[in-house]
Amino acid sequence: MFNRWSILLFLLAIMVCLVSCGQKVKDSVAPLNTPVQYPNSPAKQIVVLPLADYTMGAQPDDSLRRQVKIYEALMYRLAEKGFYVPLKEDVVQYLVDLGVIRIVGQPSIRSGSSCGLITAELSSGWSEAMQEEIQKLAVMNEQLGNSRERYELTRVGLDPGTIQQIGRRFGADYILRGRVVEYEVRDGNTLNPIQVGILPFFFDTSSALLFGFAESERYDLWQDLAVGAGLGSLLGSYAETPFTPPNKKTTITGGSHPRFATKSVSHEGGYSDHAGLNAAVWGAAGASAAYLASKGGHVPQAVVQISLALQDASDGRIIWANRVEKRVEPKSMWADPAARTQIDKAVEEAAGALIINLANALAKSPVENYAAISNVQPIPIPQENEESEIQEVNDPIIINQQVFEDQGT
């Protein structure tokens, strides 16, 4: 019987090993089944111009990468709705030829000859460890040079003549312009224990309840330490570990009769001042727990706000305008906390919300049931001293703000 089970387990282990061979493929972006656009195709073509960048704050991407990521998201969503977009490189080059923008830096693909001296030096007898370090420095230097490349506007606005030129150059029906207002990663302000963890939730809520919100992270830490040390000392004064109290020993002498018996109490072992010692130990443990809790509980929140305007390529009239802001943060402490993941999701959601609204506006159909714009209604653009309303969707990850819409004929 033992041999039979051993053979079965061995065969099962072989099957698991064979099934585990290979690679796991996950499509983060699936290709679209879009038809080919022929010259007589009824599909509309939209030229997406580089967005004006007004972002500030802790930005995970440089200016050029922000443009590329937002452009790719918009192009994907436009293709999904049946609109075709010219290549970004062609649009940028034509705008450079018109003098609308100027490229700061050299966004060309660098060849290996630019690092010829370093390559020749590496092949002259350096150790493998030194070669790896020099190669890492060369790559970092290359990335630093790429990060300085960006677009610089030479004109604040475009006149109708320039809009018509761009439309004729690419045979487009519409010109899509806009600006990036927010593109940053912040520290999310939440007390959800599923997102921040049990210890950060406990200490943050306790210190906020006792002291209120601090002016800086340093004061937050001092408040958490005070709560942890105080609570640990209070509970530790009643504890009997690690310093145990003395054991009481009662001795009766003088016989068994109560009138002649004498009772004496003595203490053996332990510590007479165990309460103070335990209070100090558990107070230090509480302060240590508070310090560790202050190092966790940070929830990265990506914020992306994009404003778009659609112009008729024939006369430059604005026929649609809208904006949206997306805030994305991990749903729980087990989700991916990388800032890149949050910002990519925010860009995709913002692009999806705007393009679906644009497609429905052009088709003159009601807005579809989409998380980004499910409850948005066209409202007049607010005048001075009016505050924009905030609209939230019942989704713990993505927070949507009100979208202003100005549709023409």
Protein backbone atom coordinates (compact mmCIF):
# COMPACT_ATOMS: atom_id res chain seq x y z
CA MET A 1 0.00 0.00 0.00
CA PHE A 2 2.82 2.40 0.85
CA ASN A 3 4.50 1.77 -2.47
CA ARG A 4 1.30 2.41 -4.38
CA TRP A 5 0.75 5.81 -2.74
CA SER A 6 4.38 6.72 -3.24
CA ILE A 7 4.10 6.01 -6.96
CA LEU A 8 0.90 8.06 -7.23
CA LEU A 9 2.47 11.02 -5.43
CA PHE A 10 5.54 10.78 -7.63
CA LEU A 11 3.41 10.76 -10.79
CA LEU A 12 1.37 13.69 -9.47
CA ALA A 13 4.55 15.68 -8.80
CA ILE A 14 5.76 14.96 -12.35
CA MET A 15 2.42 16.15 -13.79
CA VAL A 16 2.57 19.38 -11.76
CA CYS A 17 6.11 20.04 -12.97
CA LEU A 18 5.13 19.42 -16.59
CA VAL A 19 2.08 21.68 -16.34
CA SER A 20 4.18 24.43 -14.72
CA CYS A 21 6.52 24.62 -17.68
CA GLY A 22 6.09 27.62 -19.97
CA GLN A 23 5.24 31.28 -19.48
CA LYS A 24 2.26 33.16 -18.13
CA VAL A 25 0.97 35.78 -20.56
CA LYS A 26 -1.36 38.57 -19.47
CA ASP A 27 -2.76 41.13 -21.89
CA SER A 28 -2.74 44.50 -20.16
CA VAL A 29 -3.73 46.22 -23.43
CA ALA A 30 -5.67 44.14 -25.94
CA PRO A 31 -5.61 45.01 -29.67
CA LEU A 32 -8.79 46.39 -31.20
CA ASN A 33 -10.65 44.84 -34.11
CA THR A 34 -10.77 48.03 -36.16
CA PRO A 35 -11.41 48.02 -39.93
CA VAL A 36 -9.01 49.45 -42.48
CA GLN A 37 -9.71 53.07 -43.40
CA TYR A 38 -9.90 53.54 -47.16
CA PRO A 39 -10.04 56.92 -48.96
CA ASN A 40 -13.83 56.69 -49.32
CA SER A 41 -14.35 55.40 -45.78
CA PRO A 42 -17.04 57.21 -43.75
CA ALA A 43 -14.86 57.08 -40.62
CA LYS A 44 -13.93 60.46 -39.21
CA GLN A 45 -10.32 61.48 -38.65
CA ILE A 46 -9.23 63.56 -35.67
CA VAL A 47 -5.86 65.22 -35.27
CA VAL A 48 -4.77 65.18 -31.63
CA LEU A 49 -2.39 68.05 -30.94
CA PRO A 50 0.16 67.91 -28.09
CA LEU A 51 -1.53 68.92 -24.86
CA ALA A 52 -0.47 72.02 -23.01
CA ASP A 53 1.20 70.90 -19.79
CA TYR A 54 0.43 72.89 -16.63
CA THR A 55 1.22 70.14 -14.14
CA MET A 56 3.08 70.60 -10.88
CA GLY A 57 3.85 68.43 -7.88
CA ALA A 58 5.48 65.01 -7.53
CA GLN A 59 5.31 63.73 -11.09
CA PRO A 60 6.34 60.13 -11.84
CA ASP A 61 6.98 60.89 -15.53
CA ASP A 62 8.85 63.56 -17.43
CA SER A 63 7.12 65.93 -19.81
CA LEU A 64 7.70 63.90 -22.96
CA ARG A 65 6.54 60.65 -21.40
CA ARG A 66 3.39 62.31 -20.07
CA GLN A 67 2.57 63.44 -23.59
CA VAL A 68 3.17 59.98 -25.03
CA LYS A 69 1.12 58.14 -22.41
CA ILE A 70 -1.87 60.48 -22.66
CA TYR A 71 -1.69 60.52 -26.45
CA GLU A 72 -1.62 56.71 -26.65
CA ALA A 73 -4.58 56.44 -24.29
CA LEU A 74 -6.59 58.97 -26.32
CA MET A 75 -5.67 57.31 -29.63
CA TYR A 76 -6.68 53.89 -28.32
CA ARG A 77 -10.05 55.15 -27.11
CA LEU A 78 -10.67 57.09 -30.33
CA ALA A 79 -9.90 54.01 -32.42
CA GLU A 80 -12.25 52.05 -30.20
CA LYS A 81 -15.03 54.48 -31.18
CA GLY A 82 -14.19 54.41 -34.89
CA PHE A 83 -12.05 57.57 -35.15
CA TYR A 84 -8.59 57.52 -36.69
CA VAL A 85 -5.68 59.59 -35.47
CA PRO A 86 -2.49 60.48 -37.40
CA LEU A 87 0.82 59.43 -35.93
CA LYS A 88 2.06 61.69 -33.18
CA GLU A 89 5.51 62.02 -34.76
CA ASP A 90 3.97 63.35 -38.00
CA VAL A 91 1.80 65.84 -36.12
CA VAL A 92 4.70 67.07 -34.01
CA GLN A 93 6.96 67.46 -37.03
CA TYR A 94 4.32 69.46 -38.90
CA LEU A 95 3.78 71.71 -35.88
CA VAL A 96 7.53 72.26 -35.71
CA ASP A 97 7.54 73.18 -39.41
CA LEU A 98 4.71 75.66 -38.78
CA GLY A 99 6.61 77.15 -35.83
CA VAL A 100 3.85 76.29 -33.35
CA ILE A 101 6.08 74.28 -31.04
CA ARG A 102 9.78 73.90 -30.49
CA ILE A 103 11.48 70.72 -29.30
CA VAL A 104 13.80 71.33 -26.37
CA GLY A 105 16.56 68.71 -26.50
CA GLN A 106 17.15 66.06 -29.13
CA PRO A 107 14.37 63.44 -29.06
CA SER A 108 16.10 61.34 -31.71
CA ILE A 109 17.14 57.73 -31.24
CA ARG A 110 20.75 57.72 -30.17
CA SER A 111 23.01 55.21 -31.88
CA GLY A 112 25.70 53.12 -30.28
CA SER A 113 28.38 55.36 -31.76
CA SER A 114 27.56 58.02 -29.13
CA CYS A 115 28.99 55.68 -26.52
CA GLY A 116 31.89 54.52 -28.66
CA LEU A 117 34.59 55.74 -26.30
CA ILE A 118 32.96 54.02 -23.34
CA THR A 119 32.53 50.79 -25.30
CA ALA A 120 36.18 50.83 -26.38
CA GLU A 121 37.31 51.49 -22.82
CA LEU A 122 35.22 48.61 -21.45
CA SER A 123 36.95 46.17 -23.81
CA SER A 124 40.41 47.08 -22.55
CA GLY A 125 40.80 44.64 -19.69
CA TRP A 126 38.41 45.91 -17.01
CA SER A 127 36.93 43.37 -14.60
CA GLU A 128 33.36 42.15 -15.11
CA ALA A 129 32.13 43.97 -11.99
CA MET A 130 33.64 47.25 -13.18
CA GLN A 131 32.19 46.77 -16.67
CA GLU A 132 28.70 46.28 -15.20
CA GLU A 133 28.98 49.41 -13.07
CA ILE A 134 30.18 51.55 -15.98
CA GLN A 135 27.39 50.21 -18.18
CA LYS A 136 24.85 51.11 -15.49
CA LEU A 137 26.24 54.64 -15.32
CA ALA A 138 26.09 54.94 -19.11
CA VAL A 139 22.42 53.86 -19.13
CA MET A 140 21.56 56.28 -16.32
CA ASN A 141 23.29 59.10 -18.18
CA GLU A 142 21.31 58.23 -21.32
CA GLN A 143 18.03 58.26 -19.39
CA LEU A 144 18.94 61.59 -17.80
CA GLY A 145 19.47 63.08 -21.23
CA ASN A 146 16.14 61.73 -22.45
CA SER A 147 14.30 63.16 -19.44
CA ARG A 148 15.29 66.68 -20.45
CA GLU A 149 13.50 66.43 -23.78
CA ARG A 150 10.18 68.24 -23.94
CA TYR A 151 7.93 70.35 -26.12
CA GLU A 152 7.89 74.12 -25.79
CA LEU A 153 5.00 76.16 -27.17
CA THR A 154 6.01 79.18 -29.19
CA ARG A 155 2.41 80.36 -29.55
CA VAL A 156 -0.19 80.71 -26.86
CA GLY A 157 -3.11 80.05 -29.20
CA LEU A 158 -3.87 78.96 -32.77
CA ASP A 159 -5.76 81.10 -35.24
CA PRO A 160 -8.41 79.60 -37.55
CA GLY A 161 -5.96 79.70 -40.46
CA THR A 162 -3.50 77.43 -38.64
CA ILE A 163 -6.34 75.08 -37.68
CA GLN A 164 -7.38 74.85 -41.34
CA GLN A 165 -3.79 74.17 -42.41
CA ILE A 166 -3.49 71.29 -39.97
CA GLY A 167 -6.84 69.89 -41.06
CA ARG A 168 -5.92 70.03 -44.77
CA ARG A 169 -2.46 68.52 -44.14
CA PHE A 170 -3.90 65.39 -42.51
CA GLY A 171 -7.31 65.32 -44.21
CA ALA A 172 -8.96 65.57 -40.80
CA ASP A 173 -12.49 66.53 -39.87
CA TYR A 174 -11.71 67.68 -36.36
CA ILE A 175 -8.82 69.01 -34.30
CA LEU A 176 -8.60 67.85 -30.69
CA ARG A 177 -6.69 70.12 -28.31
CA GLY A 178 -6.42 70.32 -24.56
CA ARG A 179 -4.30 70.69 -21.48
CA VAL A 180 -3.00 68.55 -18.66
CA VAL A 181 -3.96 70.31 -15.44
CA GLU A 182 -3.01 67.67 -12.87
CA TYR A 183 -0.62 64.73 -13.22
CA GLU A 184 0.93 63.74 -9.93
CA VAL A 185 1.08 61.18 -7.15
CA ARG A 186 -0.03 62.29 -3.69
CA ASP A 187 -0.32 60.67 -0.28
CA GLY A 188 -3.89 59.51 0.01
CA ASN A 189 -5.72 60.77 3.10
CA THR A 190 -7.70 57.74 4.26
CA LEU A 191 -8.29 55.90 7.53
CA ASN A 192 -9.64 52.74 5.94
CA PRO A 193 -7.95 49.86 7.82
CA ILE A 194 -8.19 47.66 4.72
CA GLN A 195 -6.00 50.15 2.87
CA VAL A 196 -3.58 51.38 5.54
CA GLY A 197 -3.32 48.37 7.89
CA ILE A 198 -4.38 47.74 11.48
CA LEU A 199 -1.53 49.46 13.35
CA PRO A 200 -1.48 52.66 11.22
CA PHE A 201 -5.28 52.81 11.48
CA PHE A 202 -5.20 52.50 15.26
CA PHE A 203 -2.43 55.04 15.90
CA ASP A 204 -3.60 57.54 13.27
CA THR A 205 -7.18 57.55 14.54
CA SER A 206 -6.05 57.75 18.19
CA SER A 207 -3.59 60.61 17.65
CA ALA A 208 -6.06 62.50 15.43
CA LEU A 209 -8.76 62.11 18.08
CA LEU A 210 -6.47 63.28 20.91
CA PHE A 211 -4.31 65.90 19.19
CA GLY A 212 -6.04 66.68 15.90
CA PHE A 213 -4.14 66.89 12.62
CA ALA A 214 -0.48 67.78 12.95
CA GLU A 215 1.35 70.36 10.88
CA SER A 216 3.96 67.95 9.55
CA GLU A 217 4.87 64.28 9.43
CA ARG A 218 7.39 64.81 12.25
CA TYR A 219 4.68 66.00 14.61
CA ASP A 220 2.49 63.11 13.49
CA LEU A 221 5.28 60.76 14.54
CA TRP A 222 5.62 62.41 17.96
CA GLN A 223 1.89 62.13 18.50
CA ASP A 224 1.87 58.45 17.57
CA LEU A 225 4.83 57.80 19.86
CA ALA A 226 3.05 59.55 22.72
CA VAL A 227 -0.08 57.46 22.20
CA GLY A 228 1.89 54.21 21.94
CA ALA A 229 4.10 54.89 24.94
CA GLY A 230 1.25 56.12 27.13
CA LEU A 231 -1.07 53.25 26.31
CA GLY A 232 1.71 50.69 26.67
CA SER A 233 2.75 52.09 30.07
CA LEU A 234 -0.82 52.12 31.33
CA LEU A 235 -1.52 48.54 30.39
CA GLY A 236 1.98 47.37 31.29
CA SER A 237 1.63 48.57 34.89
CA TYR A 238 -1.00 45.85 35.40
CA ALA A 239 0.99 43.18 33.59
CA GLU A 240 2.95 40.45 35.33
CA THR A 241 5.47 39.89 32.56
CA PRO A 242 8.37 40.12 31.83
CA PHE A 243 8.98 41.22 35.44
CA THR A 244 6.97 38.97 37.75
CA PRO A 245 5.70 40.11 41.15
CA PRO A 246 7.04 38.45 44.32
CA ASN A 247 5.32 35.27 45.42
CA LYS A 248 3.47 35.52 48.72
CA LYS A 249 4.11 32.75 51.26
CA THR A 250 1.92 32.52 54.39
CA THR A 251 3.31 30.67 57.44
CA ILE A 252 1.24 29.76 60.54
CA THR A 253 3.07 29.14 63.81
CA GLY A 254 2.03 28.50 67.45
CA GLY A 255 -0.33 25.58 66.91
CA SER A 256 -3.46 24.97 65.02
CA HIS A 257 -5.86 26.73 67.42
CA PRO A 258 -6.79 30.16 66.06
CA ARG A 259 -6.26 31.84 69.47
CA PHE A 260 -2.67 30.71 69.73
CA ALA A 261 -1.71 30.57 66.03
CA THR A 262 0.39 33.32 64.49
CA LYS A 263 0.25 34.03 60.75
CA SER A 264 3.23 35.54 58.99
CA VAL A 265 3.49 36.53 55.31
CA SER A 266 6.78 36.51 53.41
CA HIS A 267 7.68 37.28 49.81
CA GLU A 268 9.97 35.16 47.70
CA GLY A 269 11.45 35.84 44.26
CA GLY A 270 10.09 38.33 41.75
CA TYR A 271 10.54 42.07 41.75
CA SER A 272 9.07 44.41 44.31
CA ASP A 273 8.83 47.24 41.76
CA HIS A 274 7.49 45.02 38.97
CA ALA A 275 4.71 47.49 38.10
CA GLY A 276 7.11 50.29 37.20
CA LEU A 277 9.46 48.00 35.32
CA ASN A 278 6.66 46.44 33.29
CA ALA A 279 5.22 49.89 32.57
CA ALA A 280 8.61 51.00 31.20
CA VAL A 281 9.02 47.87 29.06
CA TRP A 282 5.52 47.90 27.61
CA GLY A 283 5.68 51.66 27.14
CA ALA A 284 8.83 51.20 25.04
CA ALA A 285 7.09 48.40 23.12
CA GLY A 286 4.09 50.65 22.43
CA ALA A 287 6.35 53.46 21.22
CA SER A 288 8.20 51.00 18.96
CA ALA A 289 4.91 49.78 17.51
CA ALA A 290 3.88 53.39 16.89
CA TYR A 291 7.18 54.08 15.13
CA LEU A 292 6.77 51.03 12.88
CA ALA A 293 3.17 52.02 12.16
CA SER A 294 4.33 55.48 11.07
CA LYS A 295 6.53 53.85 8.42
CA GLY A 296 3.52 52.10 6.91
CA GLY A 297 -0.01 53.09 6.10
CA HIS A 298 0.94 55.32 3.17
CA VAL A 299 -1.56 55.05 0.33
CA PRO A 300 -0.32 56.47 -2.99
CA GLN A 301 -3.00 58.36 -4.86
CA ALA A 302 -2.56 59.23 -8.53
CA VAL A 303 -4.38 62.36 -9.71
CA VAL A 304 -4.86 63.10 -13.41
CA GLN A 305 -6.98 65.99 -14.68
CA ILE A 306 -7.31 66.51 -18.44
CA SER A 307 -9.25 69.16 -20.31
CA LEU A 308 -10.08 68.69 -24.02
CA ALA A 309 -11.70 70.83 -26.70
CA LEU A 310 -12.78 69.70 -30.20
CA GLN A 311 -12.60 72.17 -33.08
CA ASP A 312 -14.00 71.96 -36.57
CA ALA A 313 -11.08 71.72 -38.97
CA SER A 314 -12.88 73.79 -41.60
CA ASP A 315 -13.36 76.99 -39.61
CA GLY A 316 -11.83 76.42 -36.14
CA ARG A 317 -15.14 76.56 -34.24
CA ILE A 318 -15.20 74.78 -30.87
CA ILE A 319 -17.99 72.22 -31.07
CA TRP A 320 -17.28 70.29 -27.85
CA ALA A 321 -15.35 70.87 -24.64
CA ASN A 322 -15.05 68.81 -21.50
CA ARG A 323 -12.77 67.90 -18.65
CA VAL A 324 -12.39 65.13 -16.09
CA GLU A 325 -10.27 64.36 -13.05
CA LYS A 326 -9.43 60.85 -11.89
CA ARG A 327 -8.00 59.81 -8.54
CA VAL A 328 -6.76 56.25 -8.31
CA GLU A 329 -5.43 54.49 -5.23
CA PRO A 330 -4.99 50.85 -4.19
CA LYS A 331 -8.19 49.23 -3.00
CA SER A 332 -6.47 47.35 -0.18
CA MET A 333 -3.05 46.84 1.40
CA TRP A 334 -2.55 43.75 -0.78
CA ALA A 335 -2.97 45.65 -4.06
CA ASP A 336 -0.03 46.87 -6.10
CA PRO A 337 1.13 50.12 -4.44
CA ALA A 338 3.47 51.17 -7.26
CA ALA A 339 2.97 54.80 -8.30
CA ARG A 340 3.34 53.79 -11.95
CA THR A 341 0.35 51.45 -11.67
CA GLN A 342 -1.87 54.13 -10.17
CA ILE A 343 -0.92 56.84 -12.68
CA ASP A 344 -1.36 54.53 -15.68
CA LYS A 345 -4.82 53.54 -14.49
CA ALA A 346 -5.77 57.18 -13.93
CA VAL A 347 -4.64 58.13 -17.46
CA GLU A 348 -6.62 55.27 -19.03
CA GLU A 349 -9.75 56.10 -17.05
CA ALA A 350 -9.55 59.80 -17.82
CA ALA A 351 -9.06 59.17 -21.53
CA GLY A 352 -11.89 56.65 -21.60
CA ALA A 353 -14.32 59.02 -19.88
CA LEU A 354 -13.59 61.94 -22.19
CA ILE A 355 -13.60 60.02 -25.47
CA ILE A 356 -16.82 58.14 -24.69
CA ASN A 357 -18.47 61.45 -23.88
CA LEU A 358 -17.05 62.95 -27.08
CA ALA A 359 -18.26 60.07 -29.23
CA ASN A 360 -21.76 60.26 -27.77
CA ALA A 361 -21.83 64.03 -28.21
CA LEU A 362 -20.89 63.72 -31.89
CA ALA A 363 -23.46 60.98 -32.39
CA LYS A 364 -26.06 63.07 -30.52
CA SER A 365 -26.96 60.06 -28.42
CA PRO A 366 -27.39 59.80 -24.65
CA VAL A 367 -24.33 59.10 -22.61
CA GLU A 368 -23.71 55.41 -22.05
CA ASN A 369 -23.52 53.81 -18.65
CA TYR A 370 -19.82 54.30 -18.02
CA ALA A 371 -18.27 54.68 -14.60
CA ALA A 372 -16.49 57.90 -15.50
CA ILE A 373 -19.51 59.84 -16.80
CA SER A 374 -22.55 57.84 -15.72
CA ASN A 375 -24.20 60.72 -13.85
CA VAL A 376 -22.76 63.74 -15.66
CA GLN A 377 -25.22 66.22 -17.12
CA PRO A 378 -24.32 69.23 -19.27
CA ILE A 379 -24.27 72.37 -17.12
CA PRO A 380 -23.29 75.94 -17.88
CA ILE A 381 -19.70 76.93 -17.35
CA PRO A 382 -19.55 78.56 -13.88
CA GLN A 383 -18.95 82.27 -13.68
CA GLU A 384 -16.65 84.02 -11.24
CA ASN A 385 -16.97 83.17 -7.54
CA GLU A 386 -18.77 79.94 -8.39
CA GLU A 387 -17.24 76.67 -7.23
CA SER A 388 -17.41 73.56 -9.33
CA GLU A 389 -19.45 70.74 -7.89
CA ILE A 390 -17.80 67.45 -7.07
CA GLN A 391 -19.28 64.20 -8.24
CA GLU A 392 -18.22 60.87 -6.79
CA VAL A 393 -18.92 57.41 -8.11
CA ASN A 394 -19.47 54.46 -5.78
CA ASP A 395 -16.04 53.02 -6.44
CA PRO A 396 -13.39 52.84 -3.74
CA ILE A 397 -10.57 53.22 -6.25
CA ILE A 398 -11.54 55.96 -8.69
CA ILE A 399 -12.93 59.34 -7.68
CA ASN A 400 -14.47 61.42 -10.43
CA GLN A 401 -14.96 65.14 -10.35
CA GLN A 402 -17.66 67.07 -12.12
CA VAL A 403 -17.18 67.52 -15.85
CA PHE A 404 -18.05 70.84 -17.47
CA GLU A 405 -19.44 70.62 -20.95
CA ASP A 406 -19.92 73.29 -23.55
CA GLN A 407 -21.43 71.99 -26.76
CA GLY A 408 -21.99 74.03 -29.82
CA THR A 409 -24.02 73.24 -32.84
